[in-house]
Amino acid sequence: MGVTSDGALIIKHLSVCEQVFYQPRQGELQEITLTQNSNEMYYEALEFAKLYQQRQINHKGLKYSVISSELLTEIRKQIHVKFPADND
């Protein structure tokens, strides 16, 4: 929940923004949920495609993606997790 001087935002399942409500300090709870794509990775893929088309290879978000990917790969390696695609 985020609080401002005017009210608060209440977000159910923050990672997917399942439902979003605004609670003004004076007034009734209002649902302000927007329809989301059923694929949770849709918006990330859309942003990636935009950056690729614009040839923004040094975008700061890409640096974090590489770090995350390297970290997850190392974790999987250390705990011996293999996916079917790893055999390719």
PDB file of N, CA and C in Angstrom:
ATOM      1  N   MET A   1       0.854  -1.175   0.000  1.00  0.00           N
ATOM      2  CA  MET A   1       0.000   0.000   0.000  1.00  0.00           C
ATOM      3  C   MET A   1       0.893   1.229   0.000  1.00  0.00           C
ATOM      4  N   GLY A   2       0.614   2.194  -0.889  1.00  0.00           N
ATOM      5  CA  GLY A   2       1.336   3.456  -0.922  1.00  0.00           C
ATOM      6  C   GLY A   2       0.463   4.550  -0.328  1.00  0.00           C
ATOM      7  N   VAL A   3       1.031   5.375   0.536  1.00  0.00           N
ATOM      8  CA  VAL A   3       0.254   6.418   1.203  1.00  0.00           C
ATOM      9  C   VAL A   3       0.769   7.788   0.767  1.00  0.00           C
ATOM     10  N   THR A   4      -0.152   8.692   0.426  1.00  0.00           N
ATOM     11  CA  THR A   4       0.182  10.078   0.123  1.00  0.00           C
ATOM     12  C   THR A   4      -0.629  10.953   1.069  1.00  0.00           C
ATOM     13  N   SER A   5      -0.466  12.259   0.940  1.00  0.00           N
ATOM     14  CA  SER A   5      -1.251  13.147   1.799  1.00  0.00           C
ATOM     15  C   SER A   5      -2.722  13.144   1.408  1.00  0.00           C
ATOM     16  N   ASP A   6      -3.010  12.682   0.193  1.00  0.00           N
ATOM     17  CA  ASP A   6      -4.397  12.673  -0.282  1.00  0.00           C
ATOM     18  C   ASP A   6      -5.114  11.342  -0.076  1.00  0.00           C
ATOM     19  N   GLY A   7      -4.343  10.261   0.108  1.00  0.00           N
ATOM     20  CA  GLY A   7      -4.966   8.962   0.251  1.00  0.00           C
ATOM     21  C   GLY A   7      -3.949   7.849   0.088  1.00  0.00           C
ATOM     22  N   ALA A   8      -4.425   6.667  -0.262  1.00  0.00           N
ATOM     23  CA  ALA A   8      -3.556   5.502  -0.377  1.00  0.00           C
ATOM     24  C   ALA A   8      -3.927   4.673  -1.598  1.00  0.00           C
ATOM     25  N   LEU A   9      -2.909   4.025  -2.179  1.00  0.00           N
ATOM     26  CA  LEU A   9      -3.131   3.031  -3.226  1.00  0.00           C
ATOM     27  C   LEU A   9      -3.021   1.660  -2.584  1.00  0.00           C
ATOM     28  N   ILE A  10      -3.948   0.787  -2.922  1.00  0.00           N
ATOM     29  CA  ILE A  10      -3.943  -0.582  -2.423  1.00  0.00           C
ATOM     30  C   ILE A  10      -3.850  -1.479  -3.650  1.00  0.00           C
ATOM     31  N   ILE A  11      -2.777  -2.277  -3.713  1.00  0.00           N
ATOM     32  CA  ILE A  11      -2.538  -3.121  -4.888  1.00  0.00           C
ATOM     33  C   ILE A  11      -2.523  -4.577  -4.454  1.00  0.00           C
ATOM     34  N   LYS A  12      -3.455  -5.370  -5.004  1.00  0.00           N
ATOM     35  CA  LYS A  12      -3.533  -6.795  -4.711  1.00  0.00           C
ATOM     36  C   LYS A  12      -2.559  -7.514  -5.636  1.00  0.00           C
ATOM     37  N   HIS A  13      -1.655  -8.303  -5.075  1.00  0.00           N
ATOM     38  CA  HIS A  13      -0.616  -9.012  -5.833  1.00  0.00           C
ATOM     39  C   HIS A  13       0.194  -8.032  -6.669  1.00  0.00           C
ATOM     40  N   LEU A  14       1.033  -7.287  -6.003  1.00  0.00           N
ATOM     41  CA  LEU A  14       1.810  -6.206  -6.602  1.00  0.00           C
ATOM     42  C   LEU A  14       2.519  -6.611  -7.881  1.00  0.00           C
ATOM     43  N   SER A  15       3.086  -7.802  -7.938  1.00  0.00           N
ATOM     44  CA  SER A  15       3.872  -8.201  -9.112  1.00  0.00           C
ATOM     45  C   SER A  15       3.038  -8.290 -10.382  1.00  0.00           C
ATOM     46  N   VAL A  16       1.736  -8.469 -10.247  1.00  0.00           N
ATOM     47  CA  VAL A  16       0.880  -8.553 -11.438  1.00  0.00           C
ATOM     48  C   VAL A  16      -0.236  -7.504 -11.429  1.00  0.00           C
ATOM     49  N   CYS A  17      -0.270  -6.670 -10.407  1.00  0.00           N
ATOM     50  CA  CYS A  17      -1.314  -5.630 -10.277  1.00  0.00           C
ATOM     51  C   CYS A  17      -2.703  -6.201 -10.554  1.00  0.00           C
ATOM     52  N   GLU A  18      -3.017  -7.253  -9.840  1.00  0.00           N
ATOM     53  CA  GLU A  18      -4.295  -7.942 -10.045  1.00  0.00           C
ATOM     54  C   GLU A  18      -5.484  -7.004  -9.877  1.00  0.00           C
ATOM     55  N   GLN A  19      -5.480  -6.236  -8.811  1.00  0.00           N
ATOM     56  CA  GLN A  19      -6.507  -5.228  -8.583  1.00  0.00           C
ATOM     57  C   GLN A  19      -5.834  -4.020  -7.931  1.00  0.00           C
ATOM     58  N   VAL A  20      -6.290  -2.820  -8.328  1.00  0.00           N
ATOM     59  CA  VAL A  20      -5.731  -1.594  -7.768  1.00  0.00           C
ATOM     60  C   VAL A  20      -6.885  -0.730  -7.270  1.00  0.00           C
ATOM     61  N   PHE A  21      -6.739  -0.233  -6.062  1.00  0.00           N
ATOM     62  CA  PHE A  21      -7.764   0.606  -5.458  1.00  0.00           C
ATOM     63  C   PHE A  21      -7.136   1.914  -4.980  1.00  0.00           C
ATOM     64  N   TYR A  22      -7.919   2.974  -4.987  1.00  0.00           N
ATOM     65  CA  TYR A  22      -7.508   4.246  -4.411  1.00  0.00           C
ATOM     66  C   TYR A  22      -8.444   4.540  -3.248  1.00  0.00           C
ATOM     67  N   GLN A  23      -7.858   4.782  -2.095  1.00  0.00           N
ATOM     68  CA  GLN A  23      -8.630   5.123  -0.899  1.00  0.00           C
ATOM     69  C   GLN A  23      -8.302   6.557  -0.514  1.00  0.00           C
ATOM     70  N   PRO A  24      -9.159   7.525  -0.906  1.00  0.00           N
ATOM     71  CA  PRO A  24      -8.895   8.904  -0.486  1.00  0.00           C
ATOM     72  C   PRO A  24      -9.081   9.034   1.019  1.00  0.00           C
ATOM     73  N   ARG A  25      -8.394   9.998   1.603  1.00  0.00           N
ATOM     74  CA  ARG A  25      -8.531  10.216   3.055  1.00  0.00           C
ATOM     75  C   ARG A  25      -9.981  10.527   3.406  1.00  0.00           C
ATOM     76  N   GLN A  26     -10.624  11.278   2.561  1.00  0.00           N
ATOM     77  CA  GLN A  26     -12.033  11.617   2.766  1.00  0.00           C
ATOM     78  C   GLN A  26     -12.813  11.057   1.582  1.00  0.00           C
ATOM     79  N   GLY A  27     -13.454   9.944   1.744  1.00  0.00           N
ATOM     80  CA  GLY A  27     -14.247   9.390   0.652  1.00  0.00           C
ATOM     81  C   GLY A  27     -14.212   7.879   0.609  1.00  0.00           C
ATOM     82  N   GLU A  28     -14.876   7.357  -0.409  1.00  0.00           N
ATOM     83  CA  GLU A  28     -15.035   5.916  -0.539  1.00  0.00           C
ATOM     84  C   GLU A  28     -13.910   5.294  -1.349  1.00  0.00           C
ATOM     85  N   LEU A  29     -13.657   4.025  -1.073  1.00  0.00           N
ATOM     86  CA  LEU A  29     -12.683   3.235  -1.811  1.00  0.00           C
ATOM     87  C   LEU A  29     -13.108   3.167  -3.273  1.00  0.00           C
ATOM     88  N   GLN A  30     -12.163   3.416  -4.186  1.00  0.00           N
ATOM     89  CA  GLN A  30     -12.453   3.391  -5.621  1.00  0.00           C
ATOM     90  C   GLN A  30     -11.546   2.366  -6.296  1.00  0.00           C
ATOM     91  N   GLU A  31     -12.129   1.464  -7.085  1.00  0.00           N
ATOM     92  CA  GLU A  31     -11.297   0.530  -7.850  1.00  0.00           C
ATOM     93  C   GLU A  31     -10.823   1.236  -9.108  1.00  0.00           C
ATOM     94  N   ILE A  32      -9.511   1.202  -9.357  1.00  0.00           N
ATOM     95  CA  ILE A  32      -8.943   1.857 -10.539  1.00  0.00           C
ATOM     96  C   ILE A  32      -8.138   0.855 -11.381  1.00  0.00           C
ATOM     97  N   THR A  33      -8.479  -0.419 -11.282  1.00  0.00           N
ATOM     98  CA  THR A  33      -7.793  -1.483 -12.006  1.00  0.00           C
ATOM     99  C   THR A  33      -7.942  -1.289 -13.513  1.00  0.00           C
ATOM    100  N   LEU A  34      -6.832  -1.488 -14.228  1.00  0.00           N
ATOM    101  CA  LEU A  34      -6.846  -1.499 -15.691  1.00  0.00           C
ATOM    102  C   LEU A  34      -6.703  -2.937 -16.155  1.00  0.00           C
ATOM    103  N   THR A  35      -7.318  -3.274 -17.262  1.00  0.00           N
ATOM    104  CA  THR A  35      -7.219  -4.619 -17.804  1.00  0.00           C
ATOM    105  C   THR A  35      -5.767  -4.913 -18.158  1.00  0.00           C
ATOM    106  N   GLN A  36      -5.284  -6.046 -17.693  1.00  0.00           N
ATOM    107  CA  GLN A  36      -3.907  -6.458 -17.951  1.00  0.00           C
ATOM    108  C   GLN A  36      -3.893  -7.626 -18.928  1.00  0.00           C
ATOM    109  N   ASN A  37      -2.814  -7.754 -19.683  1.00  0.00           N
ATOM    110  CA  ASN A  37      -2.643  -8.894 -20.564  1.00  0.00           C
ATOM    111  C   ASN A  37      -2.503 -10.150 -19.710  1.00  0.00           C
ATOM    112  N   SER A  38      -3.047 -11.264 -20.156  1.00  0.00           N
ATOM    113  CA  SER A  38      -3.002 -12.490 -19.358  1.00  0.00           C
ATOM    114  C   SER A  38      -1.582 -13.049 -19.241  1.00  0.00           C
ATOM    115  N   ASN A  39      -0.721 -12.731 -20.186  1.00  0.00           N
ATOM    116  CA  ASN A  39       0.675 -13.151 -20.110  1.00  0.00           C
ATOM    117  C   ASN A  39       1.433 -12.117 -19.288  1.00  0.00           C
ATOM    118  N   GLU A  40       1.915 -12.514 -18.125  1.00  0.00           N
ATOM    119  CA  GLU A  40       2.573 -11.583 -17.220  1.00  0.00           C
ATOM    120  C   GLU A  40       3.852 -10.985 -17.802  1.00  0.00           C
ATOM    121  N   MET A  41       4.449 -11.629 -18.791  1.00  0.00           N
ATOM    122  CA  MET A  41       5.695 -11.131 -19.385  1.00  0.00           C
ATOM    123  C   MET A  41       5.438 -10.259 -20.615  1.00  0.00           C
ATOM    124  N   TYR A  42       4.182 -10.030 -20.973  1.00  0.00           N
ATOM    125  CA  TYR A  42       3.830  -9.271 -22.174  1.00  0.00           C
ATOM    126  C   TYR A  42       4.478  -7.887 -22.195  1.00  0.00           C
ATOM    127  N   TYR A  43       4.375  -7.165 -21.108  1.00  0.00           N
ATOM    128  CA  TYR A  43       4.858  -5.786 -21.086  1.00  0.00           C
ATOM    129  C   TYR A  43       6.382  -5.727 -21.141  1.00  0.00           C
ATOM    130  N   GLU A  44       7.050  -6.694 -20.513  1.00  0.00           N
ATOM    131  CA  GLU A  44       8.501  -6.752 -20.601  1.00  0.00           C
ATOM    132  C   GLU A  44       8.933  -7.056 -22.033  1.00  0.00           C
ATOM    133  N   ALA A  45       8.251  -7.994 -22.683  1.00  0.00           N
ATOM    134  CA  ALA A  45       8.572  -8.334 -24.076  1.00  0.00           C
ATOM    135  C   ALA A  45       8.312  -7.143 -24.992  1.00  0.00           C
ATOM    136  N   LEU A  46       7.241  -6.426 -24.757  1.00  0.00           N
ATOM    137  CA  LEU A  46       6.920  -5.243 -25.556  1.00  0.00           C
ATOM    138  C   LEU A  46       8.021  -4.184 -25.416  1.00  0.00           C
ATOM    139  N   GLU A  47       8.461  -3.948 -24.197  1.00  0.00           N
ATOM    140  CA  GLU A  47       9.536  -2.973 -23.956  1.00  0.00           C
ATOM    141  C   GLU A  47      10.839  -3.426 -24.605  1.00  0.00           C
ATOM    142  N   PHE A  48      11.135  -4.720 -24.500  1.00  0.00           N
ATOM    143  CA  PHE A  48      12.340  -5.262 -25.129  1.00  0.00           C
ATOM    144  C   PHE A  48      12.288  -5.057 -26.639  1.00  0.00           C
ATOM    145  N   ALA A  49      11.150  -5.354 -27.257  1.00  0.00           N
ATOM    146  CA  ALA A  49      11.007  -5.180 -28.705  1.00  0.00           C
ATOM    147  C   ALA A  49      11.197  -3.716 -29.101  1.00  0.00           C
ATOM    148  N   LYS A  50      10.649  -2.802 -28.300  1.00  0.00           N
ATOM    149  CA  LYS A  50      10.804  -1.371 -28.583  1.00  0.00           C
ATOM    150  C   LYS A  50      12.273  -0.966 -28.520  1.00  0.00           C
ATOM    151  N   LEU A  51      12.963  -1.395 -27.469  1.00  0.00           N
ATOM    152  CA  LEU A  51      14.384  -1.066 -27.335  1.00  0.00           C
ATOM    153  C   LEU A  51      15.199  -1.657 -28.480  1.00  0.00           C
ATOM    154  N   TYR A  52      14.856  -2.872 -28.877  1.00  0.00           N
ATOM    155  CA  TYR A  52      15.561  -3.526 -29.986  1.00  0.00           C
ATOM    156  C   TYR A  52      15.347  -2.749 -31.286  1.00  0.00           C
ATOM    157  N   GLN A  53      14.108  -2.388 -31.556  1.00  0.00           N
ATOM    158  CA  GLN A  53      13.814  -1.640 -32.786  1.00  0.00           C
ATOM    159  C   GLN A  53      14.511  -0.288 -32.804  1.00  0.00           C
ATOM    160  N   GLN A  54      14.648   0.337 -31.656  1.00  0.00           N
ATOM    161  CA  GLN A  54      15.320   1.635 -31.566  1.00  0.00           C
ATOM    162  C   GLN A  54      16.833   1.485 -31.422  1.00  0.00           C
ATOM    163  N   ARG A  55      17.303   0.240 -31.407  1.00  0.00           N
ATOM    164  CA  ARG A  55      18.723  -0.072 -31.276  1.00  0.00           C
ATOM    165  C   ARG A  55      19.352   0.567 -30.030  1.00  0.00           C
ATOM    166  N   GLN A  56      18.583   0.570 -28.954  1.00  0.00           N
ATOM    167  CA  GLN A  56      19.066   1.108 -27.678  1.00  0.00           C
ATOM    168  C   GLN A  56      19.780   0.001 -26.905  1.00  0.00           C
ATOM    169  N   ILE A  57      20.991  -0.314 -27.357  1.00  0.00           N
ATOM    170  CA  ILE A  57      21.714  -1.441 -26.746  1.00  0.00           C
ATOM    171  C   ILE A  57      22.351  -1.094 -25.410  1.00  0.00           C
ATOM    172  N   ASN A  58      22.420   0.165 -25.067  1.00  0.00           N
ATOM    173  CA  ASN A  58      23.015   0.550 -23.794  1.00  0.00           C
ATOM    174  C   ASN A  58      21.984   1.047 -22.788  1.00  0.00           C
ATOM    175  N   HIS A  59      20.739   0.674 -22.974  1.00  0.00           N
ATOM    176  CA  HIS A  59      19.683   1.073 -22.056  1.00  0.00           C
ATOM    177  C   HIS A  59      19.987   0.515 -20.672  1.00  0.00           C
ATOM    178  N   LYS A  60      19.807   1.329 -19.609  1.00  0.00           N
ATOM    179  CA  LYS A  60      20.175   0.902 -18.254  1.00  0.00           C
ATOM    180  C   LYS A  60      19.438  -0.354 -17.805  1.00  0.00           C
ATOM    181  N   GLY A  61      18.211  -0.549 -18.271  1.00  0.00           N
ATOM    182  CA  GLY A  61      17.462  -1.743 -17.890  1.00  0.00           C
ATOM    183  C   GLY A  61      18.090  -3.020 -18.412  1.00  0.00           C
ATOM    184  N   LEU A  62      18.757  -2.937 -19.555  1.00  0.00           N
ATOM    185  CA  LEU A  62      19.386  -4.129 -20.128  1.00  0.00           C
ATOM    186  C   LEU A  62      20.550  -4.601 -19.265  1.00  0.00           C
ATOM    187  N   LYS A  63      21.257  -3.667 -18.657  1.00  0.00           N
ATOM    188  CA  LYS A  63      22.364  -4.029 -17.764  1.00  0.00           C
ATOM    189  C   LYS A  63      21.835  -4.886 -16.617  1.00  0.00           C
ATOM    190  N   TYR A  64      20.694  -4.494 -16.059  1.00  0.00           N
ATOM    191  CA  TYR A  64      20.108  -5.256 -14.952  1.00  0.00           C
ATOM    192  C   TYR A  64      19.600  -6.614 -15.420  1.00  0.00           C
ATOM    193  N   SER A  65      19.121  -6.684 -16.646  1.00  0.00           N
ATOM    194  CA  SER A  65      18.674  -7.965 -17.195  1.00  0.00           C
ATOM    195  C   SER A  65      19.838  -8.935 -17.322  1.00  0.00           C
ATOM    196  N   VAL A  66      20.971  -8.439 -17.805  1.00  0.00           N
ATOM    197  CA  VAL A  66      22.155  -9.287 -17.953  1.00  0.00           C
ATOM    198  C   VAL A  66      22.641  -9.764 -16.585  1.00  0.00           C
ATOM    199  N   ILE A  67      22.698  -8.865 -15.625  1.00  0.00           N
ATOM    200  CA  ILE A  67      23.130  -9.238 -14.268  1.00  0.00           C
ATOM    201  C   ILE A  67      22.185 -10.292 -13.692  1.00  0.00           C
ATOM    202  N   SER A  68      20.881 -10.093 -13.836  1.00  0.00           N
ATOM    203  CA  SER A  68      19.897 -11.052 -13.321  1.00  0.00           C
ATOM    204  C   SER A  68      20.048 -12.406 -13.995  1.00  0.00           C
ATOM    205  N   SER A  69      20.214 -12.392 -15.303  1.00  0.00           N
ATOM    206  CA  SER A  69      20.371 -13.640 -16.054  1.00  0.00           C
ATOM    207  C   SER A  69      21.620 -14.396 -15.618  1.00  0.00           C
ATOM    208  N   GLU A  70      22.732 -13.671 -15.486  1.00  0.00           N
ATOM    209  CA  GLU A  70      23.976 -14.308 -15.043  1.00  0.00           C
ATOM    210  C   GLU A  70      23.838 -14.880 -13.639  1.00  0.00           C
ATOM    211  N   LEU A  71      23.197 -14.145 -12.761  1.00  0.00           N
ATOM    212  CA  LEU A  71      23.005 -14.599 -11.386  1.00  0.00           C
ATOM    213  C   LEU A  71      22.131 -15.851 -11.338  1.00  0.00           C
ATOM    214  N   LEU A  72      21.022 -15.827 -12.043  1.00  0.00           N
ATOM    215  CA  LEU A  72      20.124 -16.988 -12.048  1.00  0.00           C
ATOM    216  C   LEU A  72      20.794 -18.205 -12.679  1.00  0.00           C
ATOM    217  N   THR A  73      21.574 -17.986 -13.729  1.00  0.00           N
ATOM    218  CA  THR A  73      22.295 -19.092 -14.367  1.00  0.00           C
ATOM    219  C   THR A  73      23.291 -19.711 -13.395  1.00  0.00           C
ATOM    220  N   GLU A  74      24.010 -18.864 -12.653  1.00  0.00           N
ATOM    221  CA  GLU A  74      24.978 -19.369 -11.671  1.00  0.00           C
ATOM    222  C   GLU A  74      24.274 -20.122 -10.539  1.00  0.00           C
ATOM    223  N   ILE A  75      23.149 -19.608 -10.073  1.00  0.00           N
ATOM    224  CA  ILE A  75      22.391 -20.300  -9.023  1.00  0.00           C
ATOM    225  C   ILE A  75      21.939 -21.663  -9.505  1.00  0.00           C
ATOM    226  N   ARG A  76      21.381 -21.705 -10.718  1.00  0.00           N
ATOM    227  CA  ARG A  76      20.933 -22.990 -11.282  1.00  0.00           C
ATOM    228  C   ARG A  76      22.098 -23.962 -11.395  1.00  0.00           C
ATOM    229  N   LYS A  77      23.258 -23.460 -11.830  1.00  0.00           N
ATOM    230  CA  LYS A  77      24.445 -24.300 -11.976  1.00  0.00           C
ATOM    231  C   LYS A  77      24.859 -24.885 -10.628  1.00  0.00           C
ATOM    232  N   GLN A  78      24.877 -24.038  -9.592  1.00  0.00           N
ATOM    233  CA  GLN A  78      25.327 -24.482  -8.269  1.00  0.00           C
ATOM    234  C   GLN A  78      24.376 -25.474  -7.606  1.00  0.00           C
ATOM    235  N   ILE A  79      23.081 -25.355  -7.904  1.00  0.00           N
ATOM    236  CA  ILE A  79      22.123 -26.283  -7.279  1.00  0.00           C
ATOM    237  C   ILE A  79      21.679 -27.384  -8.244  1.00  0.00           C
ATOM    238  N   HIS A  80      22.375 -27.447  -9.394  1.00  0.00           N
ATOM    239  CA  HIS A  80      22.182 -28.517 -10.375  1.00  0.00           C
ATOM    240  C   HIS A  80      20.769 -28.584 -10.960  1.00  0.00           C
ATOM    241  N   VAL A  81      20.220 -27.438 -11.284  1.00  0.00           N
ATOM    242  CA  VAL A  81      18.911 -27.387 -11.940  1.00  0.00           C
ATOM    243  C   VAL A  81      19.151 -27.308 -13.444  1.00  0.00           C
ATOM    244  N   LYS A  82      18.552 -28.238 -14.185  1.00  0.00           N
ATOM    245  CA  LYS A  82      18.680 -28.234 -15.648  1.00  0.00           C
ATOM    246  C   LYS A  82      17.285 -28.197 -16.265  1.00  0.00           C
ATOM    247  N   PHE A  83      17.158 -27.377 -17.294  1.00  0.00           N
ATOM    248  CA  PHE A  83      15.929 -27.326 -18.076  1.00  0.00           C
ATOM    249  C   PHE A  83      16.150 -28.090 -19.371  1.00  0.00           C
ATOM    250  N   PRO A  84      15.079 -28.581 -20.012  1.00  0.00           N
ATOM    251  CA  PRO A  84      15.243 -29.314 -21.270  1.00  0.00           C
ATOM    252  C   PRO A  84      16.032 -28.521 -22.319  1.00  0.00           C
ATOM    253  N   ALA A  85      15.868 -27.222 -22.361  1.00  0.00           N
ATOM    254  CA  ALA A  85      16.574 -26.405 -23.361  1.00  0.00           C
ATOM    255  C   ALA A  85      18.079 -26.335 -23.093  1.00  0.00           C
ATOM    256  N   ASP A  86      18.519 -26.698 -21.885  1.00  0.00           N
ATOM    257  CA  ASP A  86      19.942 -26.666 -21.560  1.00  0.00           C
ATOM    258  C   ASP A  86      20.726 -27.714 -22.337  1.00  0.00           C
ATOM    259  N   ASN A  87      20.054 -28.706 -22.869  1.00  0.00           N
ATOM    260  CA  ASN A  87      20.740 -29.778 -23.604  1.00  0.00           C
ATOM    261  C   ASN A  87      21.050 -29.383 -25.041  1.00  0.00           C
ATOM    262  N   ASP A  88      20.521 -28.261 -25.486  1.00  0.00           N
ATOM    263  CA  ASP A  88      20.766 -27.854 -26.874  1.00  0.00           C
ATOM    264  C   ASP A  88      22.165 -27.306 -27.065  1.00  0.00           C
TER     265      ASP A  88
END
